[in-house]
Protein backbone atom coordinates (compact mmCIF):
# COMPACT_ATOMS: atom_id res chain seq x y z
CA MET A 1 94.90 78.35 92.42
CA GLN A 2 97.04 79.33 89.40
CA TRP A 3 100.63 80.59 88.95
CA THR A 4 100.19 84.35 88.99
CA SER A 5 103.07 87.03 88.04
CA LEU A 6 103.89 89.39 90.49
CA ASN A 7 102.52 92.49 88.15
CA THR A 8 99.13 90.44 87.77
CA VAL A 9 98.73 90.47 91.52
CA ARG A 10 99.11 94.21 92.18
CA GLU A 11 96.70 94.60 89.18
CA LYS A 12 93.89 91.99 90.21
CA TYR A 13 94.33 93.71 93.91
CA LEU A 14 93.78 97.50 92.57
CA SER A 15 91.37 96.33 90.72
CA PHE A 16 89.33 94.51 93.15
CA PHE A 17 89.22 97.48 95.39
CA GLU A 18 88.61 99.65 92.82
CA SER A 19 85.33 97.67 92.15
CA LYS A 20 84.12 98.21 96.01
CA GLY A 21 84.20 101.68 95.16
CA HIS A 22 88.00 102.96 96.28
CA LEU A 23 89.99 105.63 94.57
CA ARG A 24 93.04 104.20 93.00
CA LEU A 25 95.85 106.06 93.83
CA PRO A 26 99.20 105.92 92.42
CA SER A 27 102.46 105.07 95.06
CA TYR A 28 103.48 108.01 96.94
CA PRO A 29 107.10 108.93 96.32
CA LEU A 30 109.59 107.37 98.86
CA ILE A 31 110.47 110.93 100.34
CA PRO A 32 108.10 111.72 102.98
CA GLN A 33 105.94 114.82 101.92
CA ASN A 34 105.49 117.10 104.54
CA ASP A 35 106.48 114.58 107.29
CA LYS A 36 109.56 115.32 109.25
CA SER A 37 109.16 112.45 111.66
CA LEU A 38 110.16 109.74 108.86
CA LEU A 39 113.20 109.75 106.44
CA LEU A 40 111.73 107.24 103.68
CA ILE A 41 108.51 106.15 103.46
CA ASN A 42 108.30 102.56 105.32
CA SER A 43 104.39 101.40 105.18
CA GLY A 44 101.66 102.09 103.27
CA MET A 45 99.25 104.22 105.61
CA ALA A 46 102.46 106.20 106.44
CA PRO A 47 101.93 109.02 103.58
CA MET A 48 98.05 109.21 104.65
CA LYS A 49 98.62 109.88 108.32
CA LYS A 50 96.65 112.90 108.29
CA PHE A 51 93.79 111.59 106.39
CA PHE A 52 93.52 108.99 109.27
CA THR A 53 93.65 111.83 112.26
CA GLY A 54 91.32 114.21 110.11
CA GLU A 55 93.71 116.92 110.15
CA VAL A 56 93.55 116.44 105.95
CA GLU A 57 90.44 115.77 104.17
CA PRO A 58 91.01 112.62 102.01
CA PRO A 59 90.42 112.70 98.28
CA ARG A 60 88.04 109.87 98.92
CA ARG A 61 86.70 108.33 102.09
CA ARG A 62 87.86 104.60 100.61
CA VAL A 63 91.66 104.58 98.94
CA THR A 64 93.50 101.61 97.26
CA THR A 65 97.34 101.62 96.86
CA CYS A 66 100.38 99.67 96.18
CA GLN A 67 102.97 101.78 97.90
CA LYS A 68 106.92 101.86 97.31
CA CYS A 69 108.76 101.07 100.97
CA ILE A 70 112.32 101.46 102.32
CA ARG A 71 112.92 99.85 105.67
CA THR A 72 116.41 99.74 106.84
CA PRO A 73 116.61 98.32 110.69
CA ASP A 74 117.70 94.88 109.06
CA PHE A 75 120.02 96.58 106.58
CA GLU A 76 122.87 94.14 107.63
CA ARG A 77 120.84 90.99 107.66
CA VAL A 78 119.81 91.66 103.93
CA GLY A 79 121.39 88.68 101.71
CA HIS A 80 122.24 86.22 104.83
CA THR A 81 118.48 85.31 104.96
CA ALA A 82 116.09 84.61 102.02
CA ARG A 83 113.45 87.13 104.09
CA HIS A 84 115.17 90.31 104.51
CA GLY A 85 115.08 93.16 102.00
CA THR A 86 115.37 97.06 102.11
CA PHE A 87 112.65 97.62 99.54
CA PHE A 88 109.05 95.96 99.30
CA GLU A 89 105.68 96.89 97.82
CA MET A 90 102.89 97.03 99.95
CA LEU A 91 99.46 96.73 99.18
CA GLY A 92 96.57 98.65 101.07
CA ASN A 93 93.13 99.24 100.75
CA PHE A 94 92.22 102.34 103.41
CA SER A 95 88.92 103.52 104.73
CA PHE A 96 88.76 107.06 106.49
CA GLY A 97 85.60 107.01 108.42
CA ASP A 98 84.26 104.83 105.93
CA TYR A 99 83.50 101.04 105.93
CA PHE A 100 84.97 98.75 108.99
CA LYS A 101 85.26 95.41 110.36
CA GLU A 102 81.78 94.04 108.79
CA GLN A 103 83.05 94.99 105.42
CA ALA A 104 86.73 94.95 105.32
CA ILE A 105 86.82 91.52 106.64
CA PRO A 106 84.74 89.67 103.78
CA TRP A 107 86.47 91.56 101.28
CA ALA A 108 89.91 90.46 102.16
CA TRP A 109 88.53 86.71 102.34
CA GLU A 110 86.41 87.47 99.24
CA PHE A 111 89.53 88.36 97.38
CA LEU A 112 92.05 85.66 98.48
CA THR A 113 89.67 82.85 98.14
CA GLU A 114 87.57 84.18 94.91
CA VAL A 115 89.98 86.16 93.10
CA MET A 116 93.16 84.56 93.92
CA GLU A 117 91.33 81.14 94.77
CA ILE A 118 93.71 80.52 97.34
CA PRO A 119 91.86 77.37 99.38
CA SER A 120 89.97 78.57 102.17
CA ASP A 121 91.49 75.57 104.43
CA LEU A 122 95.00 76.80 104.01
CA LEU A 123 94.05 79.99 105.14
CA TRP A 124 93.83 80.90 109.03
CA PRO A 125 92.42 84.02 110.22
CA SER A 126 94.03 85.60 113.82
CA VAL A 127 92.34 88.26 115.65
CA TYR A 128 92.95 90.22 118.80
CA GLU A 129 92.33 88.16 122.27
CA ASN A 130 89.51 90.55 123.22
CA ASP A 131 88.54 91.03 119.79
CA ASP A 132 85.14 88.97 119.99
CA GLU A 133 83.13 91.68 117.15
CA ALA A 134 86.05 90.40 114.61
CA TYR A 135 86.02 86.78 115.84
CA ASN A 136 82.22 86.48 115.40
CA ILE A 137 82.21 87.89 111.65
CA TRP A 138 84.89 85.28 111.02
CA LYS A 139 83.15 82.40 112.61
CA ASP A 140 79.20 83.29 111.69
CA LYS A 141 79.43 85.38 108.66
CA ILE A 142 82.41 84.16 106.93
CA GLY A 143 82.01 80.33 108.29
CA VAL A 144 85.94 80.19 108.89
CA PRO A 145 85.33 76.81 111.11
CA GLU A 146 86.48 77.98 114.95
CA LYS A 147 89.86 75.53 115.08
CA HIS A 148 90.82 77.71 112.34
CA ILE A 149 90.48 81.27 114.02
CA VAL A 150 93.55 82.45 116.65
CA ARG A 151 93.03 84.78 119.58
CA LEU A 152 96.54 86.17 120.06
CA GLY A 153 97.85 88.84 122.42
CA LYS A 154 98.78 92.56 122.14
CA GLU A 155 102.30 91.91 120.81
CA ASP A 156 100.51 90.14 117.57
CA ASN A 157 97.67 91.38 117.19
CA PHE A 158 96.79 95.13 118.63
CA TRP A 159 98.40 97.90 116.66
CA GLU A 160 100.02 101.22 118.32
CA HIS A 161 102.94 103.23 118.28
CA GLY A 162 102.90 105.60 121.42
CA PRO A 163 99.95 108.25 122.02
CA GLY A 164 97.55 108.61 118.83
CA PRO A 165 95.09 106.09 117.09
CA CYS A 166 95.38 102.73 117.42
CA GLY A 167 93.66 99.19 117.67
CA PRO A 168 92.78 95.73 117.50
CA CYS A 169 93.72 93.85 114.26
CA THR A 170 93.33 90.79 112.32
CA GLU A 171 95.23 89.06 110.17
CA ILE A 172 95.59 85.85 107.80
CA TYR A 173 98.00 83.37 107.50
CA PHE A 174 98.63 80.87 104.88
CA ASP A 175 99.31 77.57 105.49
CA ARG A 176 102.68 76.70 103.56
CA GLY A 177 102.72 73.04 104.95
CA GLU A 178 104.24 70.57 106.91
CA LYS A 179 107.53 70.57 105.80
CA TYR A 180 107.68 74.10 106.93
CA GLY A 181 106.69 73.21 110.21
CA CYS A 182 108.06 72.14 113.73
CA GLY A 183 106.17 69.07 113.84
CA ARG A 184 104.39 69.95 117.36
CA PRO A 185 100.78 68.90 117.19
CA ASP A 186 99.64 72.35 118.36
CA CYS A 187 101.35 74.46 115.50
CA LYS A 188 99.38 77.02 114.02
CA PRO A 189 99.88 80.73 113.61
CA GLY A 190 101.89 82.59 116.32
CA CYS A 191 104.63 79.82 116.31
CA ASP A 192 107.85 80.59 115.59
CA CYS A 193 108.55 78.09 112.96
CA ASP A 194 107.99 78.99 109.13
CA ARG A 195 104.76 76.94 108.03
CA TYR A 196 102.26 79.69 108.69
CA MET A 197 102.85 82.85 106.49
CA GLU A 198 101.05 86.24 107.48
CA ILE A 199 99.78 87.70 104.24
CA TRP A 200 97.39 89.91 105.14
CA ASN A 201 96.57 92.60 108.03
CA ASN A 202 93.68 94.61 108.48
CA VAL A 203 93.84 97.28 111.30
CA PHE A 204 91.08 98.21 112.78
CA SER A 205 91.80 102.12 113.98
CA GLN A 206 89.12 102.68 116.61
CA PHE A 207 91.17 103.66 119.84
CA ASN A 208 93.17 106.81 121.23
CA ASN A 209 95.63 106.02 123.21
CA ASP A 210 96.28 108.98 125.74
CA GLY A 211 99.72 107.71 126.52
CA LYS A 212 99.18 106.88 129.61
CA GLY A 213 97.62 103.57 129.09
CA ASN A 214 93.90 104.94 128.76
CA TYR A 215 92.11 103.98 125.63
CA THR A 216 88.59 105.87 124.52
CA GLU A 217 86.81 104.95 121.05
CA LEU A 218 87.47 107.08 118.39
CA VAL A 219 84.60 108.84 116.56
CA GLN A 220 86.12 108.44 113.07
CA LYS A 221 87.06 104.56 113.15
CA ASN A 222 89.34 103.53 110.15
CA ILE A 223 90.73 100.63 108.45
CA ASP A 224 94.11 100.45 107.53
CA THR A 225 94.92 97.24 105.51
CA GLY A 226 98.57 96.45 104.66
CA MET A 227 99.78 93.34 102.83
CA GLY A 228 102.98 92.65 101.11
CA LEU A 229 103.15 92.25 97.33
CA GLU A 230 105.92 89.99 97.26
CA ARG A 231 104.53 87.91 100.33
CA LEU A 232 101.05 87.34 98.24
CA ALA A 233 103.55 86.56 94.96
CA CYS A 234 105.45 83.91 96.64
CA VAL A 235 102.08 82.14 97.68
CA MET A 236 100.89 82.44 94.03
CA GLN A 237 104.15 80.99 92.51
CA GLY A 238 104.73 78.41 94.81
CA VAL A 239 108.08 79.51 95.85
CA ASP A 240 109.67 79.78 99.35
CA ASN A 241 110.97 83.65 99.50
CA MET A 242 110.92 87.08 97.36
CA PHE A 243 114.02 86.30 95.51
CA GLU A 244 112.51 83.85 93.71
CA VAL A 245 109.16 85.81 92.47
CA ASP A 246 109.44 86.17 89.04
CA THR A 247 110.06 89.78 88.78
CA ILE A 248 112.89 89.61 91.41
CA ARG A 249 114.09 86.23 89.86
CA LYS A 250 115.12 88.07 86.69
CA ILE A 251 117.42 90.58 88.46
CA LEU A 252 118.76 88.01 90.38
CA ASP A 253 119.48 85.95 87.25
CA ARG A 254 121.10 88.88 85.20
CA VAL A 255 123.85 88.94 88.38
CA CYS A 256 124.35 85.80 88.17
CA GLU A 257 125.51 86.32 84.14
CA ILE A 258 127.25 88.96 85.23
CA SER A 259 129.31 87.13 87.88
CA GLY A 260 129.14 84.20 86.51
CA LYS A 261 128.21 82.31 89.33
CA THR A 262 125.10 80.10 89.86
CA TYR A 263 122.45 80.81 92.55
CA GLY A 264 122.60 78.11 95.19
CA ASN A 265 126.12 76.57 94.88
CA ASP A 266 127.62 78.27 97.38
CA LYS A 267 126.16 80.23 100.96
CA ASP A 268 128.88 82.89 100.75
CA ASN A 269 128.08 83.89 96.93
CA ASP A 270 124.45 83.33 97.53
CA ILE A 271 124.46 85.90 99.96
CA SER A 272 126.45 88.53 97.87
CA ILE A 273 123.57 88.02 94.93
CA ARG A 274 120.69 88.39 97.08
CA VAL A 275 122.40 91.73 98.49
CA ILE A 276 122.73 92.98 94.86
CA THR A 277 119.18 91.95 93.82
CA ASP A 278 117.77 93.85 96.71
CA HIS A 279 119.77 97.00 96.57
CA THR A 280 119.09 97.08 92.81
CA ARG A 281 115.54 97.73 93.63
CA SER A 282 116.37 100.22 96.41
CA ALA A 283 118.97 102.62 94.50
CA MET A 284 116.42 102.33 91.35
CA PHE A 285 113.36 103.65 93.16
CA MET A 286 115.41 106.11 95.76
CA ILE A 287 117.16 107.52 92.62
CA ALA A 288 113.85 108.06 90.46
CA ASP A 289 112.04 109.64 93.60
CA GLY A 290 114.88 112.26 93.58
CA VAL A 291 117.53 110.97 96.36
CA LEU A 292 120.98 111.64 95.61
CA PRO A 293 123.84 109.72 97.59
CA SER A 294 125.08 112.23 100.18
CA ASN A 295 126.86 112.49 103.68
CA GLU A 296 123.68 112.71 105.88
CA GLY A 297 119.77 111.32 105.53
CA ARG A 298 118.18 109.74 103.36
CA GLY A 299 121.17 110.25 100.74
CA TYR A 300 123.25 108.31 103.36
CA VAL A 301 120.90 105.45 103.13
CA LEU A 302 121.22 105.51 99.54
CA ARG A 303 125.09 105.64 99.34
CA ARG A 304 125.23 102.64 101.81
CA ILE A 305 123.17 100.62 99.64
CA ILE A 306 125.12 101.41 96.64
CA ARG A 307 128.21 100.87 98.21
CA ARG A 308 127.20 97.52 100.07
CA ALA A 309 126.22 96.36 96.39
CA CYS A 310 129.21 97.28 94.84
CA ARG A 311 131.33 95.40 97.59
CA HIS A 312 129.29 92.36 97.05
CA GLY A 313 129.82 92.84 93.16
CA LYS A 314 133.77 92.37 94.50
CA LEU A 315 133.24 89.49 96.40
CA LEU A 316 131.32 88.07 93.56
CA GLY A 317 134.90 88.61 91.50
CA ILE A 318 132.97 91.41 89.27
CA GLY A 319 135.81 93.36 87.71
CA ARG A 320 133.77 96.19 86.46
CA ALA A 321 130.57 98.68 87.26
CA PHE A 322 127.45 96.78 86.94
CA MET A 323 124.33 98.07 88.61
CA THR A 324 123.73 99.92 85.42
CA ASP A 325 123.24 96.76 84.00
CA THR A 326 121.20 95.17 86.89
CA VAL A 327 118.78 98.32 87.14
CA ALA A 328 118.13 98.02 83.53
CA VAL A 329 116.65 94.55 84.24
CA ALA A 330 114.94 96.01 87.19
CA ILE A 331 113.08 99.14 85.33
CA GLY A 332 112.00 96.87 82.75
CA GLU A 333 110.00 95.05 85.42
CA SER A 334 108.73 97.53 87.21
CA CYS A 335 107.91 100.41 84.55
CA GLY A 336 104.51 99.35 83.64
CA ALA A 337 102.87 99.59 87.58
CA TYR A 338 105.83 102.96 87.85
CA PRO A 339 105.89 105.07 85.19
CA GLU A 340 108.33 107.18 86.73
CA LEU A 341 110.94 104.66 86.14
CA SER A 342 110.99 104.89 82.23
CA GLU A 343 110.46 108.86 82.34
CA GLU A 344 113.44 108.98 84.78
CA ARG A 345 115.47 105.92 83.06
CA ASP A 346 118.34 108.00 81.43
CA TYR A 347 118.39 109.89 85.23
CA VAL A 348 118.52 106.83 87.26
CA LEU A 349 121.69 105.35 85.03
CA THR A 350 123.68 107.94 84.94
CA VAL A 351 123.46 108.83 88.47
CA LEU A 352 124.55 105.05 88.98
CA ALA A 353 127.35 105.02 86.46
CA ILE A 354 128.72 108.31 88.16
CA VAL A 355 128.73 107.17 91.53
CA GLU A 356 129.31 103.16 91.39
């Protein structure tokens, strides 16, 4: 298991699933296309909902992406912890009525243990408590010891959001070691401590929920894999959180240079440094995708993000506009995977210079 940059992790994942017959698609824009149910794209599968339901024919039955995502329910907590952020990248491999558990599970294991070379004894799969099929694949086909396979309930390992397609999922956890644990002898995935970190989630979309608690088998069974790129990069770089990952750390270091502060020396300063680092990424991608600050909708989300970053800049003693500086660093780190950042660079910096 070798140190691997975030950009290399992304490329390894997408190339791996291309080798398994998947079509690599670029990230969809953060502004949902023909979907009024979402303000901003918040997961890897969100842009593909109509492929899953069969309303729209997918370009191929197997697809892989790295999707830009914005989530804001924990907006006010960003910065106060080392885990919360508004922007993240979601790696995904999807099957629309093609392969299912028998292929999805071995490919997940192959990528983590052979491509990324993560020791198998540090990985713990979980399955939905009633999903004997997935359990037996892990035990008999992959050869994971039964003591390393955890059955969890509906809250943890069954994916559904109201009526519609749903199903059990299998997750893969990385054991970060005893120093992150609670010390209990029965500590394992599902525990509330920080020892086991989920890095892979395979959703098996195989049922339809009629909204009244009745589940029927779907004719077209689907695979929806979600894996946070930043989380996997944390594992591959041996760091505690996403702010320590190489590409994000460079933004954080630029915030420290501008403010004259040292990260890790003061709790309040660290909060402000993390806020600016995270919000730099969100603002950059949102503006590049066509969002402008406004008083409503997604424009209001962007305005809040920029204002909060600027407020924390003042708390750090920064007496000038600075987001064009931090965004310039962020563009340099991500434009290889997202060419729209290079194409829209001048526009993004101009918008920030006007509104900051």
